[in-house]
Amino acid sequence: MALWRIEACKAETGDRSNTSIYNAIRAGTFTKPVAIGQRAKAWPDYEVKAIVRARIAGQSDDEIRELVNRLHAKRLDQLAMV
């Protein structure tokens, strides 16, 4: 698993601004970043790829919100295993 900074996320999703990513987070259609430093955030690459695949498949925003919830739950499950 790789962690992608916002520039890599924008390149993968086709978004042109940081604001569009953060607006999607507020709308529940993109996962929240994880802290990798005091002021640095990143996203697991598999989460970004899953969201892009869902968009390509034509899933609705509600379906993508469900996916985002599942991805967040998967993070918690992985933490519990450590």
Protein backbone atom coordinates (compact mmCIF):
# COMPACT_ATOMS: atom_id res chain seq x y z
CA MET A 1 0.00 0.00 0.00
CA ALA A 2 1.24 3.47 -0.85
CA LEU A 3 0.20 6.79 0.61
CA TRP A 4 -0.54 9.49 -1.91
CA ARG A 5 -0.25 13.20 -1.22
CA ILE A 6 -2.91 15.51 -2.64
CA GLU A 7 -1.10 16.13 -5.95
CA ALA A 8 -1.15 12.40 -6.73
CA CYS A 9 -4.81 12.19 -5.72
CA LYS A 10 -5.70 15.08 -8.04
CA ALA A 11 -3.79 13.44 -10.89
CA GLU A 12 -5.64 10.15 -10.36
CA THR A 13 -9.12 11.69 -10.00
CA GLY A 14 -8.73 14.43 -12.60
CA ASP A 15 -9.50 17.15 -10.07
CA ARG A 16 -7.74 20.42 -10.73
CA SER A 17 -7.72 21.96 -7.26
CA ASN A 18 -7.18 20.96 -3.66
CA THR A 19 -10.53 22.55 -2.90
CA SER A 20 -12.37 20.05 -5.09
CA ILE A 21 -10.89 17.16 -3.09
CA TYR A 22 -11.79 18.78 0.23
CA ASN A 23 -15.30 19.61 -1.02
CA ALA A 24 -15.74 15.93 -1.92
CA ILE A 25 -14.60 14.98 1.60
CA ARG A 26 -17.21 17.31 3.09
CA ALA A 27 -19.84 15.82 0.76
CA GLY A 28 -18.85 12.32 1.89
CA THR A 29 -17.75 11.22 -1.59
CA PHE A 30 -14.02 11.04 -0.84
CA THR A 31 -12.20 9.54 2.12
CA LYS A 32 -10.60 11.66 4.80
CA PRO A 33 -6.82 11.90 4.71
CA VAL A 34 -4.54 10.29 7.26
CA ALA A 35 -1.89 12.27 9.10
CA ILE A 36 1.66 11.44 8.05
CA GLY A 37 3.28 14.31 9.90
CA GLN A 38 2.41 17.40 11.89
CA ARG A 39 1.08 19.23 8.85
CA ALA A 40 1.15 16.53 6.18
CA LYS A 41 -1.81 14.44 5.05
CA ALA A 42 -2.09 11.59 2.56
CA TRP A 43 -4.56 9.00 1.29
CA PRO A 44 -4.08 5.24 0.91
CA ASP A 45 -3.78 4.62 -2.83
CA TYR A 46 -6.29 1.76 -2.82
CA GLU A 47 -8.98 4.11 -1.45
CA VAL A 48 -8.45 6.68 -4.19
CA LYS A 49 -8.44 3.95 -6.85
CA ALA A 50 -11.66 2.43 -5.47
CA ILE A 51 -13.42 5.80 -5.64
CA VAL A 52 -12.23 6.39 -9.20
CA ARG A 53 -13.42 2.90 -10.24
CA ALA A 54 -16.83 3.65 -8.71
CA ARG A 55 -17.06 6.92 -10.65
CA ILE A 56 -16.08 5.18 -13.89
CA ALA A 57 -18.72 2.51 -13.21
CA GLY A 58 -21.33 5.27 -12.99
CA GLN A 59 -22.21 4.80 -9.35
CA SER A 60 -24.34 7.51 -7.77
CA ASP A 61 -23.10 9.85 -5.06
CA ASP A 62 -25.10 7.84 -2.52
CA GLU A 63 -23.39 4.62 -3.61
CA ILE A 64 -20.00 6.32 -3.40
CA ARG A 65 -20.82 7.60 0.10
CA GLU A 66 -21.51 3.99 1.10
CA LEU A 67 -18.16 2.98 -0.42
CA VAL A 68 -16.39 5.75 1.51
CA ASN A 69 -18.01 4.54 4.73
CA ARG A 70 -16.83 0.99 4.01
CA LEU A 71 -13.30 2.24 3.30
CA HIS A 72 -13.23 4.17 6.57
CA ALA A 73 -14.47 1.06 8.41
CA LYS A 74 -11.72 -1.00 6.75
CA ARG A 75 -9.15 1.44 8.17
CA LEU A 76 -10.50 0.83 11.67
CA ASP A 77 -10.43 -2.93 11.14
CA GLN A 78 -6.80 -2.73 10.03
CA LEU A 79 -5.90 -0.69 13.11
CA ALA A 80 -7.53 -3.26 15.36
CA MET A 81 -5.31 -5.95 13.86
CA VAL A 82 -2.10 -4.09 14.71
